[in-house]
Amino acid sequence: MTTRAAVNILGSTGALIDITSLGVDTIATEHPGPGQYIIHGTLGMAAAPEGWGYVLNQVDAACSVAIGYTDGVLAVSVAKDGEPTDLAH
């Protein structure tokens, strides 16, 4: 089963704020460095491209985001002016 979900992550720490999903509720996150967010446990959610997108808070509007999925791990990279940066919100 696949389902869409909203995973809200705190920019400064990568901590999971909350998740809204019809199928998966065992999500774990890591924040290994500036602008790097690793999300484990997304198996069962709709795969890219239709299932993975992002929404930024207005304070982070100047940031660029790259999303990848390899070996069951969803990786999100954030940059501003070409440099890795944590989300402000």
N, C-alpha and C. Protein backbone atom coordinates (compact mmCIF):
# COMPACT_ATOMS: atom_id res chain seq x y z
N MET A 1 0.84 -1.19 0.00
CA MET A 1 0.00 0.00 0.00
C MET A 1 0.88 1.24 0.00
N THR A 2 0.52 2.22 -0.79
CA THR A 2 1.22 3.50 -0.76
C THR A 2 0.24 4.58 -0.36
N THR A 3 0.76 5.60 0.25
CA THR A 3 -0.09 6.71 0.67
C THR A 3 0.73 7.98 0.69
N ARG A 4 0.07 9.07 0.58
CA ARG A 4 0.75 10.35 0.70
C ARG A 4 0.86 10.71 2.17
N ALA A 5 1.85 11.50 2.48
CA ALA A 5 2.07 11.88 3.87
C ALA A 5 2.71 13.25 3.93
N ALA A 6 2.55 13.87 5.06
CA ALA A 6 3.26 15.12 5.35
C ALA A 6 4.17 14.84 6.54
N VAL A 7 5.46 15.03 6.34
CA VAL A 7 6.45 14.84 7.40
C VAL A 7 7.01 16.21 7.71
N ASN A 8 6.80 16.69 8.92
CA ASN A 8 7.28 18.01 9.32
C ASN A 8 8.52 17.84 10.18
N ILE A 9 9.64 18.44 9.72
CA ILE A 9 10.93 18.29 10.38
C ILE A 9 11.41 19.66 10.86
N LEU A 10 11.92 19.72 12.10
CA LEU A 10 12.47 20.95 12.65
C LEU A 10 13.81 21.24 11.97
N GLY A 11 13.93 22.40 11.34
CA GLY A 11 15.11 22.72 10.56
C GLY A 11 16.41 22.71 11.32
N SER A 12 16.43 23.21 12.53
CA SER A 12 17.69 23.35 13.27
C SER A 12 18.25 22.03 13.77
N THR A 13 17.40 21.04 14.01
CA THR A 13 17.87 19.77 14.58
C THR A 13 17.55 18.55 13.73
N GLY A 14 16.60 18.69 12.81
CA GLY A 14 16.16 17.54 12.03
C GLY A 14 15.18 16.66 12.77
N ALA A 15 14.77 17.08 13.96
CA ALA A 15 13.82 16.29 14.76
C ALA A 15 12.46 16.24 14.08
N LEU A 16 11.79 15.12 14.23
CA LEU A 16 10.46 14.95 13.68
C LEU A 16 9.46 15.73 14.52
N ILE A 17 8.78 16.69 13.90
CA ILE A 17 7.75 17.46 14.60
C ILE A 17 6.46 16.65 14.61
N ASP A 18 6.02 16.24 13.43
CA ASP A 18 4.85 15.38 13.33
C ASP A 18 4.77 14.77 11.95
N ILE A 19 3.88 13.80 11.81
CA ILE A 19 3.64 13.15 10.53
C ILE A 19 2.15 12.95 10.38
N THR A 20 1.67 13.21 9.18
CA THR A 20 0.28 12.95 8.85
C THR A 20 0.28 11.96 7.70
N SER A 21 -0.19 10.75 7.94
CA SER A 21 -0.15 9.70 6.94
C SER A 21 -1.28 8.72 7.18
N LEU A 22 -1.73 8.11 6.12
CA LEU A 22 -2.75 7.07 6.24
C LEU A 22 -2.13 5.68 6.33
N GLY A 23 -0.80 5.57 6.17
CA GLY A 23 -0.23 4.24 6.12
C GLY A 23 1.06 4.01 6.88
N VAL A 24 1.82 5.05 7.18
CA VAL A 24 3.12 4.88 7.83
C VAL A 24 3.21 5.81 9.02
N ASP A 25 3.61 5.28 10.16
CA ASP A 25 3.77 6.15 11.32
C ASP A 25 5.06 5.88 12.08
N THR A 26 5.96 5.12 11.47
CA THR A 26 7.23 4.81 12.12
C THR A 26 8.37 5.48 11.36
N ILE A 27 8.46 6.77 11.47
CA ILE A 27 9.46 7.58 10.78
C ILE A 27 10.53 7.99 11.78
N ALA A 28 11.80 7.91 11.36
CA ALA A 28 12.91 8.39 12.18
C ALA A 28 13.73 9.35 11.33
N THR A 29 14.28 10.38 11.95
CA THR A 29 15.06 11.37 11.21
C THR A 29 16.45 11.51 11.80
N GLU A 30 17.37 11.98 10.95
CA GLU A 30 18.73 12.33 11.37
C GLU A 30 19.06 13.69 10.76
N HIS A 31 19.99 14.38 11.38
CA HIS A 31 20.47 15.67 10.89
C HIS A 31 21.99 15.65 10.99
N PRO A 32 22.66 14.98 10.01
CA PRO A 32 24.10 14.78 10.12
C PRO A 32 24.96 16.02 9.92
N GLY A 33 24.39 17.07 9.34
CA GLY A 33 25.16 18.28 9.12
C GLY A 33 24.27 19.37 8.57
N PRO A 34 24.83 20.57 8.39
CA PRO A 34 24.04 21.69 7.88
C PRO A 34 23.33 21.34 6.57
N GLY A 35 22.04 21.57 6.55
CA GLY A 35 21.26 21.36 5.33
C GLY A 35 21.03 19.91 4.96
N GLN A 36 21.37 18.97 5.81
CA GLN A 36 21.22 17.55 5.50
C GLN A 36 20.20 16.93 6.44
N TYR A 37 19.18 16.32 5.85
CA TYR A 37 18.13 15.66 6.62
C TYR A 37 17.94 14.26 6.04
N ILE A 38 18.02 13.25 6.90
CA ILE A 38 17.88 11.86 6.50
C ILE A 38 16.62 11.32 7.16
N ILE A 39 15.74 10.71 6.36
CA ILE A 39 14.48 10.20 6.89
C ILE A 39 14.40 8.70 6.62
N HIS A 40 14.24 7.91 7.68
CA HIS A 40 14.12 6.46 7.60
C HIS A 40 12.67 6.07 7.84
N GLY A 41 12.24 4.98 7.21
CA GLY A 41 10.92 4.43 7.48
C GLY A 41 9.83 4.92 6.55
N THR A 42 10.19 5.46 5.40
CA THR A 42 9.17 5.96 4.48
C THR A 42 8.63 4.88 3.56
N LEU A 43 9.12 3.65 3.69
CA LEU A 43 8.61 2.57 2.86
C LEU A 43 7.10 2.47 3.02
N GLY A 44 6.41 2.43 1.92
CA GLY A 44 4.95 2.39 1.96
C GLY A 44 4.33 3.70 1.55
N MET A 45 5.11 4.76 1.53
CA MET A 45 4.59 6.04 1.04
C MET A 45 4.79 6.09 -0.47
N ALA A 46 4.03 6.90 -1.13
CA ALA A 46 4.10 7.01 -2.58
C ALA A 46 5.49 7.43 -3.01
N ALA A 47 6.01 6.73 -3.98
CA ALA A 47 7.37 7.03 -4.47
C ALA A 47 7.39 8.27 -5.35
N ALA A 48 8.59 8.80 -5.51
CA ALA A 48 8.77 9.97 -6.38
C ALA A 48 8.40 9.59 -7.81
N PRO A 49 7.96 10.50 -8.63
CA PRO A 49 7.90 11.94 -8.34
C PRO A 49 6.59 12.38 -7.70
N GLU A 50 5.53 11.61 -7.85
CA GLU A 50 4.23 12.10 -7.38
C GLU A 50 4.10 12.12 -5.86
N GLY A 51 4.89 11.35 -5.15
CA GLY A 51 4.74 11.27 -3.71
C GLY A 51 5.68 12.16 -2.91
N TRP A 52 6.80 12.59 -3.48
CA TRP A 52 7.78 13.36 -2.72
C TRP A 52 7.88 14.76 -3.28
N GLY A 53 7.52 15.69 -2.50
CA GLY A 53 7.66 17.09 -2.84
C GLY A 53 7.97 17.81 -1.56
N TYR A 54 7.97 19.09 -1.60
CA TYR A 54 8.25 19.83 -0.38
C TYR A 54 7.56 21.18 -0.41
N VAL A 55 7.37 21.71 0.75
CA VAL A 55 6.84 23.05 0.91
C VAL A 55 7.75 23.75 1.90
N LEU A 56 8.15 24.95 1.58
CA LEU A 56 9.02 25.73 2.47
C LEU A 56 8.24 26.85 3.13
N ASN A 57 8.60 27.16 4.36
CA ASN A 57 8.08 28.34 5.02
C ASN A 57 8.61 29.56 4.28
N GLN A 58 7.91 30.66 4.34
CA GLN A 58 8.33 31.89 3.63
C GLN A 58 9.72 32.34 4.03
N VAL A 59 10.12 32.11 5.28
CA VAL A 59 11.46 32.55 5.70
C VAL A 59 12.55 31.73 5.02
N ASP A 60 12.22 30.59 4.45
CA ASP A 60 13.18 29.74 3.75
C ASP A 60 13.00 29.80 2.23
N ALA A 61 12.26 30.77 1.73
CA ALA A 61 11.91 30.83 0.31
C ALA A 61 13.13 30.90 -0.61
N ALA A 62 14.25 31.44 -0.14
CA ALA A 62 15.44 31.57 -0.97
C ALA A 62 16.26 30.28 -1.04
N CYS A 63 15.86 29.25 -0.33
CA CYS A 63 16.60 27.99 -0.30
C CYS A 63 16.22 27.10 -1.47
N SER A 64 17.19 26.28 -1.90
CA SER A 64 16.91 25.24 -2.88
C SER A 64 16.92 23.90 -2.16
N VAL A 65 16.14 22.96 -2.67
CA VAL A 65 15.98 21.66 -2.02
C VAL A 65 16.20 20.56 -3.05
N ALA A 66 16.96 19.53 -2.67
CA ALA A 66 17.13 18.34 -3.49
C ALA A 66 16.69 17.14 -2.67
N ILE A 67 15.94 16.23 -3.30
CA ILE A 67 15.43 15.05 -2.61
C ILE A 67 15.89 13.81 -3.36
N GLY A 68 16.40 12.83 -2.63
CA GLY A 68 16.81 11.57 -3.23
C GLY A 68 16.36 10.40 -2.38
N TYR A 69 16.27 9.23 -2.99
CA TYR A 69 15.86 8.02 -2.27
C TYR A 69 16.75 6.88 -2.72
N THR A 70 17.56 6.35 -1.79
CA THR A 70 18.47 5.26 -2.09
C THR A 70 18.48 4.27 -0.93
N ASP A 71 18.39 3.00 -1.23
CA ASP A 71 18.45 1.94 -0.22
C ASP A 71 17.50 2.17 0.95
N GLY A 72 16.30 2.63 0.65
CA GLY A 72 15.28 2.81 1.68
C GLY A 72 15.44 4.06 2.53
N VAL A 73 16.33 4.96 2.12
CA VAL A 73 16.57 6.18 2.89
C VAL A 73 16.23 7.39 2.04
N LEU A 74 15.39 8.26 2.58
CA LEU A 74 15.02 9.51 1.92
C LEU A 74 15.99 10.58 2.40
N ALA A 75 16.73 11.19 1.47
CA ALA A 75 17.71 12.22 1.81
C ALA A 75 17.25 13.56 1.26
N VAL A 76 17.27 14.57 2.10
CA VAL A 76 16.87 15.91 1.72
C VAL A 76 18.06 16.84 1.97
N SER A 77 18.46 17.57 0.93
CA SER A 77 19.56 18.52 1.04
C SER A 77 19.03 19.92 0.79
N VAL A 78 19.42 20.86 1.63
CA VAL A 78 18.96 22.24 1.53
C VAL A 78 20.18 23.15 1.37
N ALA A 79 20.09 24.10 0.44
CA ALA A 79 21.18 25.05 0.22
C ALA A 79 20.61 26.45 0.03
N LYS A 80 21.44 27.43 0.37
CA LYS A 80 21.10 28.83 0.13
C LYS A 80 22.35 29.49 -0.42
N ASP A 81 22.21 30.15 -1.55
CA ASP A 81 23.36 30.76 -2.23
C ASP A 81 24.46 29.73 -2.48
N GLY A 82 24.07 28.49 -2.79
CA GLY A 82 25.01 27.44 -3.12
C GLY A 82 25.69 26.77 -1.94
N GLU A 83 25.39 27.18 -0.73
CA GLU A 83 26.00 26.61 0.47
C GLU A 83 24.97 25.84 1.29
N PRO A 84 25.36 24.69 1.86
CA PRO A 84 24.42 23.95 2.71
C PRO A 84 23.94 24.83 3.87
N THR A 85 22.66 24.76 4.15
CA THR A 85 22.11 25.57 5.24
C THR A 85 20.93 24.85 5.88
N ASP A 86 20.78 25.03 7.18
CA ASP A 86 19.62 24.49 7.86
C ASP A 86 18.41 25.35 7.55
N LEU A 87 17.25 24.73 7.53
CA LEU A 87 16.02 25.50 7.38
C LEU A 87 15.82 26.37 8.61
N ALA A 88 15.38 27.59 8.40
CA ALA A 88 15.16 28.50 9.53
C ALA A 88 13.88 28.16 10.27
N HIS A 89 12.95 27.55 9.59
CA HIS A 89 11.67 27.21 10.23
C HIS A 89 11.36 25.75 10.07
